[in-house]
Amino acid sequence: MAHIAAEGRFTPAYVGAIFDYAYNICNVEKAIVPIWSTNTRSSRMVEKMGFTEEARIKDGCPGGDIVIYTLKKTDCRFLGDRYGKRYTTGADTTGL
């Protein structure tokens, strides 16, 4: 699980590094993002990234629902050379 917060805009290289780590280093097949339904700014951002609403927990947070957005690795356009080089942690991940 990761929480990402930033002030201002995300650069393409930053977004590429985030998805590269999740999908290629940690071998995640699907990213899951829970967002309060009242947080329209975050919802717009993840939708622009390609996430789609997969589920909704009614009355799951104060004043609204929790919306579950997902993005499969195969649908992620931020992997590869276009959004920056492949990033590695330098750690040995063979035992994971």
N, C-alpha and C. Protein backbone atom coordinates (compact mmCIF):
# COMPACT_ATOMS: atom_id res chain seq x y z
N MET A 1 0.85 -1.17 0.00
CA MET A 1 0.00 0.00 0.00
C MET A 1 0.90 1.23 0.00
N ALA A 2 0.49 2.21 -0.75
CA ALA A 2 1.25 3.46 -0.81
C ALA A 2 0.27 4.62 -0.83
N HIS A 3 0.67 5.68 -0.23
CA HIS A 3 -0.09 6.92 -0.29
C HIS A 3 0.81 7.95 -0.94
N ILE A 4 0.30 8.65 -1.91
CA ILE A 4 1.09 9.63 -2.64
C ILE A 4 0.44 10.98 -2.49
N ALA A 5 1.21 11.94 -2.03
CA ALA A 5 0.71 13.30 -1.89
C ALA A 5 1.76 14.25 -2.45
N ALA A 6 1.31 15.28 -3.11
CA ALA A 6 2.24 16.24 -3.68
C ALA A 6 1.55 17.59 -3.78
N GLU A 7 2.36 18.60 -3.75
CA GLU A 7 1.85 19.94 -3.95
C GLU A 7 2.21 20.35 -5.38
N GLY A 8 1.26 20.84 -6.11
CA GLY A 8 1.51 21.20 -7.50
C GLY A 8 1.25 20.03 -8.44
N ARG A 9 1.88 20.07 -9.59
CA ARG A 9 1.65 19.06 -10.62
C ARG A 9 2.67 17.93 -10.52
N PHE A 10 2.22 16.75 -10.96
CA PHE A 10 3.13 15.61 -11.08
C PHE A 10 3.82 15.71 -12.43
N THR A 11 5.12 15.47 -12.48
CA THR A 11 5.82 15.43 -13.76
C THR A 11 5.60 14.05 -14.38
N PRO A 12 5.71 13.93 -15.70
CA PRO A 12 5.59 12.62 -16.32
C PRO A 12 6.58 11.60 -15.77
N ALA A 13 7.81 12.03 -15.50
CA ALA A 13 8.82 11.11 -14.96
C ALA A 13 8.44 10.64 -13.56
N TYR A 14 7.84 11.52 -12.76
CA TYR A 14 7.41 11.16 -11.41
C TYR A 14 6.30 10.12 -11.47
N VAL A 15 5.32 10.35 -12.32
CA VAL A 15 4.21 9.39 -12.48
C VAL A 15 4.75 8.07 -13.01
N GLY A 16 5.66 8.13 -13.98
CA GLY A 16 6.26 6.91 -14.51
C GLY A 16 6.99 6.12 -13.44
N ALA A 17 7.71 6.81 -12.56
CA ALA A 17 8.43 6.13 -11.48
C ALA A 17 7.48 5.45 -10.50
N ILE A 18 6.37 6.12 -10.20
CA ILE A 18 5.38 5.55 -9.27
C ILE A 18 4.83 4.24 -9.83
N PHE A 19 4.41 4.25 -11.09
CA PHE A 19 3.83 3.05 -11.68
C PHE A 19 4.88 1.98 -11.96
N ASP A 20 6.08 2.39 -12.33
CA ASP A 20 7.15 1.42 -12.54
C ASP A 20 7.43 0.65 -11.26
N TYR A 21 7.50 1.37 -10.16
CA TYR A 21 7.77 0.70 -8.88
C TYR A 21 6.67 -0.28 -8.53
N ALA A 22 5.43 0.16 -8.62
CA ALA A 22 4.31 -0.71 -8.24
C ALA A 22 4.21 -1.93 -9.15
N TYR A 23 4.23 -1.69 -10.45
CA TYR A 23 3.97 -2.78 -11.39
C TYR A 23 5.20 -3.64 -11.69
N ASN A 24 6.37 -3.04 -11.81
CA ASN A 24 7.54 -3.81 -12.22
C ASN A 24 8.43 -4.26 -11.07
N ILE A 25 8.58 -3.45 -10.05
CA ILE A 25 9.43 -3.83 -8.92
C ILE A 25 8.64 -4.70 -7.94
N CYS A 26 7.43 -4.28 -7.60
CA CYS A 26 6.60 -5.02 -6.63
C CYS A 26 5.71 -6.07 -7.27
N ASN A 27 5.69 -6.13 -8.59
CA ASN A 27 4.90 -7.12 -9.34
C ASN A 27 3.40 -7.06 -9.06
N VAL A 28 2.90 -5.87 -8.87
CA VAL A 28 1.46 -5.67 -8.68
C VAL A 28 0.77 -5.79 -10.03
N GLU A 29 -0.37 -6.44 -10.08
CA GLU A 29 -1.12 -6.57 -11.33
C GLU A 29 -2.24 -5.54 -11.43
N LYS A 30 -2.69 -5.02 -10.28
CA LYS A 30 -3.77 -4.04 -10.29
C LYS A 30 -3.54 -3.05 -9.15
N ALA A 31 -3.56 -1.77 -9.47
CA ALA A 31 -3.47 -0.72 -8.46
C ALA A 31 -4.88 -0.37 -8.02
N ILE A 32 -5.05 -0.18 -6.72
CA ILE A 32 -6.36 0.12 -6.15
C ILE A 32 -6.26 1.43 -5.38
N VAL A 33 -7.17 2.35 -5.68
CA VAL A 33 -7.15 3.68 -5.06
C VAL A 33 -8.52 3.97 -4.44
N PRO A 34 -8.59 4.04 -3.10
CA PRO A 34 -9.84 4.45 -2.46
C PRO A 34 -9.87 5.98 -2.30
N ILE A 35 -10.95 6.60 -2.71
CA ILE A 35 -11.07 8.07 -2.61
C ILE A 35 -12.46 8.40 -2.07
N TRP A 36 -12.52 9.33 -1.15
CA TRP A 36 -13.82 9.81 -0.68
C TRP A 36 -14.55 10.45 -1.84
N SER A 37 -15.83 10.20 -1.94
CA SER A 37 -16.62 10.75 -3.05
C SER A 37 -16.66 12.27 -3.04
N THR A 38 -16.42 12.88 -1.91
CA THR A 38 -16.41 14.34 -1.82
C THR A 38 -15.10 14.95 -2.30
N ASN A 39 -14.09 14.12 -2.56
CA ASN A 39 -12.77 14.60 -3.01
C ASN A 39 -12.73 14.58 -4.54
N THR A 40 -13.43 15.51 -5.16
CA THR A 40 -13.55 15.51 -6.62
C THR A 40 -12.22 15.79 -7.31
N ARG A 41 -11.36 16.53 -6.68
CA ARG A 41 -10.06 16.84 -7.29
C ARG A 41 -9.22 15.56 -7.47
N SER A 42 -9.16 14.74 -6.44
CA SER A 42 -8.42 13.47 -6.54
C SER A 42 -9.09 12.51 -7.52
N SER A 43 -10.42 12.49 -7.52
CA SER A 43 -11.13 11.62 -8.46
C SER A 43 -10.80 11.99 -9.90
N ARG A 44 -10.81 13.28 -10.21
CA ARG A 44 -10.47 13.73 -11.57
C ARG A 44 -9.05 13.34 -11.93
N MET A 45 -8.12 13.48 -10.97
CA MET A 45 -6.73 13.17 -11.25
C MET A 45 -6.54 11.69 -11.60
N VAL A 46 -7.11 10.79 -10.79
CA VAL A 46 -6.91 9.36 -11.07
C VAL A 46 -7.64 8.93 -12.33
N GLU A 47 -8.78 9.55 -12.62
CA GLU A 47 -9.47 9.24 -13.87
C GLU A 47 -8.64 9.66 -15.07
N LYS A 48 -7.96 10.80 -14.99
CA LYS A 48 -7.07 11.23 -16.07
C LYS A 48 -5.89 10.28 -16.24
N MET A 49 -5.48 9.64 -15.15
CA MET A 49 -4.38 8.67 -15.20
C MET A 49 -4.83 7.35 -15.81
N GLY A 50 -6.13 7.13 -15.93
CA GLY A 50 -6.64 5.90 -16.52
C GLY A 50 -7.37 4.98 -15.57
N PHE A 51 -7.46 5.35 -14.29
CA PHE A 51 -8.19 4.53 -13.34
C PHE A 51 -9.68 4.60 -13.64
N THR A 52 -10.38 3.52 -13.34
CA THR A 52 -11.83 3.49 -13.50
C THR A 52 -12.48 3.08 -12.18
N GLU A 53 -13.69 3.56 -11.97
CA GLU A 53 -14.42 3.19 -10.77
C GLU A 53 -14.82 1.72 -10.86
N GLU A 54 -14.46 0.96 -9.85
CA GLU A 54 -14.80 -0.46 -9.84
C GLU A 54 -15.84 -0.78 -8.77
N ALA A 55 -15.84 -0.02 -7.69
CA ALA A 55 -16.79 -0.29 -6.61
C ALA A 55 -17.02 0.98 -5.82
N ARG A 56 -18.04 0.92 -4.98
CA ARG A 56 -18.39 2.06 -4.14
C ARG A 56 -18.90 1.53 -2.81
N ILE A 57 -18.37 2.05 -1.73
CA ILE A 57 -18.82 1.69 -0.40
C ILE A 57 -19.73 2.82 0.07
N LYS A 58 -21.01 2.55 0.08
CA LYS A 58 -22.01 3.56 0.44
C LYS A 58 -21.81 4.01 1.89
N ASP A 59 -21.84 5.32 2.08
CA ASP A 59 -21.70 5.93 3.40
C ASP A 59 -20.44 5.46 4.13
N GLY A 60 -19.37 5.24 3.39
CA GLY A 60 -18.13 4.73 3.96
C GLY A 60 -17.24 5.78 4.59
N CYS A 61 -17.59 7.03 4.40
CA CYS A 61 -16.80 8.11 4.98
C CYS A 61 -17.75 9.23 5.40
N PRO A 62 -17.27 10.14 6.20
CA PRO A 62 -18.14 11.26 6.62
C PRO A 62 -18.65 12.04 5.42
N GLY A 63 -19.94 12.12 5.26
CA GLY A 63 -20.53 12.91 4.19
C GLY A 63 -20.59 12.25 2.84
N GLY A 64 -20.28 10.98 2.73
CA GLY A 64 -20.35 10.36 1.41
C GLY A 64 -19.86 8.93 1.35
N ASP A 65 -19.54 8.52 0.14
CA ASP A 65 -19.11 7.15 -0.14
C ASP A 65 -17.59 7.10 -0.26
N ILE A 66 -17.06 5.88 -0.22
CA ILE A 66 -15.67 5.65 -0.61
C ILE A 66 -15.74 5.01 -1.99
N VAL A 67 -15.09 5.65 -2.96
CA VAL A 67 -15.07 5.15 -4.33
C VAL A 67 -13.77 4.39 -4.53
N ILE A 68 -13.87 3.17 -5.04
CA ILE A 68 -12.70 2.34 -5.29
C ILE A 68 -12.38 2.40 -6.79
N TYR A 69 -11.22 3.00 -7.10
CA TYR A 69 -10.74 3.08 -8.48
C TYR A 69 -9.64 2.03 -8.66
N THR A 70 -9.57 1.45 -9.86
CA THR A 70 -8.53 0.47 -10.15
C THR A 70 -7.90 0.73 -11.52
N LEU A 71 -6.67 0.24 -11.66
CA LEU A 71 -5.95 0.31 -12.93
C LEU A 71 -5.08 -0.93 -13.05
N LYS A 72 -5.36 -1.75 -14.07
CA LYS A 72 -4.55 -2.94 -14.31
C LYS A 72 -3.22 -2.55 -14.96
N LYS A 73 -2.21 -3.36 -14.70
CA LYS A 73 -0.89 -3.14 -15.28
C LYS A 73 -0.97 -3.08 -16.80
N THR A 74 -1.76 -3.96 -17.39
CA THR A 74 -1.87 -4.02 -18.85
C THR A 74 -2.53 -2.77 -19.43
N ASP A 75 -3.24 -2.01 -18.61
CA ASP A 75 -3.91 -0.79 -19.07
C ASP A 75 -3.15 0.49 -18.74
N CYS A 76 -2.01 0.36 -18.07
CA CYS A 76 -1.27 1.54 -17.62
C CYS A 76 -0.41 2.11 -18.74
N ARG A 77 -0.71 3.32 -19.15
CA ARG A 77 0.04 3.96 -20.24
C ARG A 77 1.33 4.62 -19.76
N PHE A 78 1.59 4.60 -18.46
CA PHE A 78 2.76 5.28 -17.90
C PHE A 78 3.99 4.39 -17.80
N LEU A 79 3.89 3.15 -18.22
CA LEU A 79 5.05 2.26 -18.21
C LEU A 79 5.83 2.42 -19.51
N GLY A 80 7.12 2.27 -19.44
CA GLY A 80 7.94 2.33 -20.64
C GLY A 80 8.68 3.64 -20.80
N ASP A 81 9.31 3.79 -21.93
CA ASP A 81 10.22 4.91 -22.18
C ASP A 81 9.55 6.26 -22.29
N ARG A 82 8.31 6.31 -22.69
CA ARG A 82 7.66 7.61 -22.90
C ARG A 82 7.62 8.46 -21.64
N TYR A 83 7.41 7.85 -20.48
CA TYR A 83 7.28 8.59 -19.24
C TYR A 83 8.50 8.50 -18.35
N GLY A 84 9.63 8.15 -18.89
CA GLY A 84 10.86 8.11 -18.10
C GLY A 84 11.47 6.74 -18.12
N LYS A 85 12.73 6.70 -17.74
CA LYS A 85 13.46 5.45 -17.75
C LYS A 85 12.93 4.51 -16.67
N ARG A 86 13.32 3.28 -16.75
CA ARG A 86 12.94 2.30 -15.72
C ARG A 86 13.72 2.61 -14.47
N TYR A 87 13.02 2.71 -13.37
CA TYR A 87 13.63 3.00 -12.08
C TYR A 87 13.77 1.71 -11.31
N THR A 88 14.85 1.59 -10.56
CA THR A 88 15.03 0.43 -9.70
C THR A 88 15.43 0.91 -8.33
N THR A 89 15.14 0.11 -7.35
CA THR A 89 15.47 0.46 -5.97
C THR A 89 16.89 0.09 -5.62
N GLY A 90 17.49 -0.78 -6.42
CA GLY A 90 18.83 -1.27 -6.09
C GLY A 90 18.78 -2.42 -5.10
N ALA A 91 17.60 -2.70 -4.59
CA ALA A 91 17.45 -3.79 -3.61
C ALA A 91 17.26 -5.10 -4.35
N ASP A 92 17.68 -6.18 -3.72
CA ASP A 92 17.47 -7.51 -4.29
C ASP A 92 16.02 -7.92 -4.03
N THR A 93 15.24 -8.03 -5.08
CA THR A 93 13.82 -8.39 -4.93
C THR A 93 13.56 -9.83 -5.33
N THR A 94 14.62 -10.63 -5.52
CA THR A 94 14.43 -12.00 -5.98
C THR A 94 13.76 -12.86 -4.93
N GLY A 95 13.88 -12.50 -3.65
CA GLY A 95 13.28 -13.31 -2.59
C GLY A 95 11.86 -12.96 -2.28
N LEU A 96 11.29 -11.98 -3.01
CA LEU A 96 9.91 -11.57 -2.73
C LEU A 96 8.90 -12.46 -3.37
